[in-house]
Amino acid sequence: MAKSKKKKETTFLVCQETGDINYVMLRKPGGEKLQLKKYSPRLRRVTLHIEKRK
């Protein structure tokens, strides 16, 4: 009765404008890439961040 669990992988959110890795998160594999608007400390404003896997 043991369920097989999908292991979470480490993913990075990379700023589209500067290329900096600003956020790290654990996420289950599969699905489409995340595209989120997050704060970029270097630019001091909100920019688009795209998911990149290790």
C-alpha atoms as a PDB file:
ATOM      1  CA  MET A   1       0.000   0.000   0.000  1.00  0.00           C
ATOM      2  CA  ALA A   2       2.986   2.310  -0.215  1.00  0.00           C
ATOM      3  CA  LYS A   3       2.364   5.208  -2.560  1.00  0.00           C
ATOM      4  CA  SER A   4       5.192   6.206  -4.829  1.00  0.00           C
ATOM      5  CA  LYS A   5       5.996   9.833  -4.180  1.00  0.00           C
ATOM      6  CA  LYS A   6       7.535  12.054  -6.796  1.00  0.00           C
ATOM      7  CA  LYS A   7      10.648  13.592  -5.359  1.00  0.00           C
ATOM      8  CA  LYS A   8      10.872  17.347  -5.354  1.00  0.00           C
ATOM      9  CA  GLU A   9      13.698  18.939  -7.284  1.00  0.00           C
ATOM     10  CA  THR A  10      15.485  22.195  -6.698  1.00  0.00           C
ATOM     11  CA  THR A  11      14.517  24.871  -9.207  1.00  0.00           C
ATOM     12  CA  PHE A  12      15.800  28.394  -9.588  1.00  0.00           C
ATOM     13  CA  LEU A  13      13.959  31.547 -10.614  1.00  0.00           C
ATOM     14  CA  VAL A  14      16.207  33.537 -12.923  1.00  0.00           C
ATOM     15  CA  CYS A  15      15.644  37.218 -13.690  1.00  0.00           C
ATOM     16  CA  GLN A  16      14.914  37.677 -17.393  1.00  0.00           C
ATOM     17  CA  GLU A  17      16.666  41.052 -17.576  1.00  0.00           C
ATOM     18  CA  THR A  18      19.840  40.531 -15.519  1.00  0.00           C
ATOM     19  CA  GLY A  19      20.238  36.728 -15.565  1.00  0.00           C
ATOM     20  CA  ASP A  20      20.662  36.625 -11.779  1.00  0.00           C
ATOM     21  CA  ILE A  21      19.346  33.717  -9.720  1.00  0.00           C
ATOM     22  CA  ASN A  22      17.245  35.467  -7.097  1.00  0.00           C
ATOM     23  CA  TYR A  23      14.984  32.704  -5.755  1.00  0.00           C
ATOM     24  CA  VAL A  24      15.336  28.968  -5.034  1.00  0.00           C
ATOM     25  CA  MET A  25      12.362  26.668  -4.595  1.00  0.00           C
ATOM     26  CA  LEU A  26      11.482  22.984  -4.331  1.00  0.00           C
ATOM     27  CA  ARG A  27       9.030  21.754  -6.935  1.00  0.00           C
ATOM     28  CA  LYS A  28       7.727  18.433  -8.237  1.00  0.00           C
ATOM     29  CA  PRO A  29       8.984  17.558 -11.729  1.00  0.00           C
ATOM     30  CA  GLY A  30       6.642  17.874 -14.686  1.00  0.00           C
ATOM     31  CA  GLY A  31       4.329  20.599 -15.830  1.00  0.00           C
ATOM     32  CA  GLU A  32       5.281  23.758 -17.630  1.00  0.00           C
ATOM     33  CA  LYS A  33       7.962  26.279 -16.677  1.00  0.00           C
ATOM     34  CA  LEU A  34       6.970  28.933 -14.172  1.00  0.00           C
ATOM     35  CA  GLN A  35       6.973  32.556 -15.217  1.00  0.00           C
ATOM     36  CA  LEU A  36       6.439  34.859 -12.271  1.00  0.00           C
ATOM     37  CA  LYS A  37       6.837  38.541 -11.619  1.00  0.00           C
ATOM     38  CA  LYS A  38       9.205  38.827  -8.650  1.00  0.00           C
ATOM     39  CA  TYR A  39      11.379  41.512  -7.085  1.00  0.00           C
ATOM     40  CA  SER A  40      14.906  41.919  -8.480  1.00  0.00           C
ATOM     41  CA  PRO A  41      17.260  43.389  -5.853  1.00  0.00           C
ATOM     42  CA  ARG A  42      19.811  44.565  -8.423  1.00  0.00           C
ATOM     43  CA  LEU A  43      17.276  46.564 -10.443  1.00  0.00           C
ATOM     44  CA  ARG A  44      15.163  47.426  -7.364  1.00  0.00           C
ATOM     45  CA  ARG A  45      11.905  46.685  -9.174  1.00  0.00           C
ATOM     46  CA  VAL A  46       9.624  43.822 -10.147  1.00  0.00           C
ATOM     47  CA  THR A  47      10.707  41.889 -13.240  1.00  0.00           C
ATOM     48  CA  LEU A  48       9.781  38.649 -14.990  1.00  0.00           C
ATOM     49  CA  HIS A  49      11.522  35.572 -13.553  1.00  0.00           C
ATOM     50  CA  ILE A  50      11.618  32.221 -15.392  1.00  0.00           C
ATOM     51  CA  GLU A  51      12.170  28.781 -13.878  1.00  0.00           C
ATOM     52  CA  LYS A  52      15.495  27.068 -14.551  1.00  0.00           C
ATOM     53  CA  ARG A  53      16.316  23.566 -13.385  1.00  0.00           C
ATOM     54  CA  LYS A  54      19.711  22.548 -12.079  1.00  0.00           C
END
